Amino acid sequence: MGTSDWEVLAANTGINAGLDLEFTTGHTPGSLVGFTGGSIVGNDVISTVSGTAYTITGGSLTPATAVPDGGSTVSLLGCALLGLAALRRKLCC
């Protein structure tokens, strides 16, 4: 593996299985900074009981969707509080 090649291993010890993915970043050797996605170049879903259960022959990695800022949430909360205040005033008077 070169400096732009990455391998991600995930294991489930409860069922003695794992997932092994390999991908290449290419843009900045040895770093995931600025990585915007790319092709999965291989590997396997592995079982320690039966060996290779599945072979991964393709696919891609894509960035997760961005988490929206809290601005819309705060605006919605503000509107709700104004509505409750108006309702309270109407019911009290």
Protein backbone atom coordinates (compact mmCIF):
# COMPACT_ATOMS: atom_id res chain seq x y z
CA MET A 1 0.00 0.00 0.00
CA GLY A 2 1.23 3.49 -0.83
CA THR A 3 0.90 6.66 1.24
CA SER A 4 -2.42 7.51 -0.47
CA ASP A 5 -3.93 4.08 0.21
CA TRP A 6 -6.18 3.61 3.23
CA GLU A 7 -7.66 0.54 4.84
CA VAL A 8 -10.60 0.58 7.23
CA LEU A 9 -11.25 -2.47 9.38
CA ALA A 10 -14.38 -3.00 11.47
CA ALA A 11 -14.96 -6.09 13.58
CA ASN A 12 -17.98 -7.62 15.26
CA THR A 13 -16.52 -9.93 17.86
CA GLY A 14 -19.98 -11.19 18.83
CA ILE A 15 -20.31 -13.09 15.55
CA ASN A 16 -16.60 -13.31 14.68
CA ALA A 17 -16.93 -11.28 11.50
CA GLY A 18 -15.42 -8.13 10.06
CA LEU A 19 -15.49 -5.65 7.21
CA ASP A 20 -12.30 -4.62 5.44
CA LEU A 21 -12.40 -1.70 2.95
CA GLU A 22 -9.52 -0.25 0.96
CA PHE A 23 -9.61 3.09 -0.83
CA THR A 24 -7.17 5.61 -2.26
CA THR A 25 -7.23 9.33 -1.46
CA GLY A 26 -4.84 10.53 -4.15
CA HIS A 27 -5.16 14.24 -3.38
CA THR A 28 -2.97 14.49 -0.26
CA PRO A 29 -0.76 11.50 0.51
CA GLY A 30 -1.21 10.21 4.04
CA SER A 31 -4.16 12.47 4.89
CA LEU A 32 -7.96 12.50 4.73
CA VAL A 33 -8.09 16.31 4.94
CA GLY A 34 -10.05 17.59 1.96
CA PHE A 35 -11.09 14.07 0.90
CA THR A 36 -14.32 14.40 -1.06
CA GLY A 37 -14.92 10.76 -1.87
CA GLY A 38 -13.67 8.13 -4.22
CA SER A 39 -13.79 4.51 -5.26
CA ILE A 40 -13.50 1.52 -2.99
CA VAL A 41 -10.72 -0.57 -4.50
CA GLY A 42 -11.43 -3.71 -2.54
CA ASN A 43 -11.66 -6.08 -0.03
CA ASP A 44 -13.87 -8.42 1.88
CA VAL A 45 -16.46 -9.19 4.48
CA ILE A 46 -14.65 -11.75 6.56
CA SER A 47 -15.82 -14.45 8.96
CA THR A 48 -13.28 -16.10 11.23
CA VAL A 49 -15.44 -19.21 11.11
CA SER A 50 -15.84 -19.58 7.33
CA GLY A 51 -13.19 -17.24 5.88
CA THR A 52 -14.22 -14.70 3.22
CA ALA A 53 -18.00 -14.43 3.22
CA TYR A 54 -18.30 -11.73 0.53
CA THR A 55 -15.86 -10.03 -1.82
CA ILE A 56 -16.31 -6.32 -2.44
CA THR A 57 -15.67 -5.62 -6.11
CA GLY A 58 -16.68 -1.97 -6.32
CA GLY A 59 -18.47 0.91 -4.74
CA SER A 60 -17.67 4.41 -3.63
CA LEU A 61 -17.21 6.57 -0.57
CA THR A 62 -19.06 9.87 -0.40
CA PRO A 63 -18.95 12.61 2.23
CA ALA A 64 -21.71 12.58 4.81
CA THR A 65 -24.30 15.29 4.35
CA ALA A 66 -23.52 18.45 6.22
CA VAL A 67 -25.29 19.03 9.50
CA PRO A 68 -27.49 22.10 9.17
CA ASP A 69 -26.74 25.05 11.40
CA GLY A 70 -28.97 25.77 14.36
CA GLY A 71 -30.34 29.01 12.88
CA SER A 72 -33.59 27.51 11.61
CA THR A 73 -34.11 25.63 14.86
CA VAL A 74 -33.68 28.81 16.91
CA SER A 75 -36.07 30.68 14.60
CA LEU A 76 -38.69 27.97 14.96
CA LEU A 77 -38.30 27.97 18.75
CA GLY A 78 -38.64 31.77 18.81
CA CYS A 79 -41.85 31.64 16.77
CA ALA A 80 -43.27 28.96 19.07
CA LEU A 81 -42.48 31.06 22.16
CA LEU A 82 -44.12 34.14 20.61
CA GLY A 83 -47.19 32.07 19.77
CA LEU A 84 -47.41 30.71 23.30
CA ALA A 85 -47.02 34.22 24.75
CA ALA A 86 -49.82 35.51 22.51
CA LEU A 87 -52.05 32.58 23.43
CA ARG A 88 -51.38 33.09 27.15
CA ARG A 89 -52.19 36.78 26.89
CA LYS A 90 -55.43 36.03 25.06
CA LEU A 91 -56.50 33.40 27.62
CA CYS A 92 -55.58 35.50 30.67
CA CYS A 93 -57.35 38.70 29.66
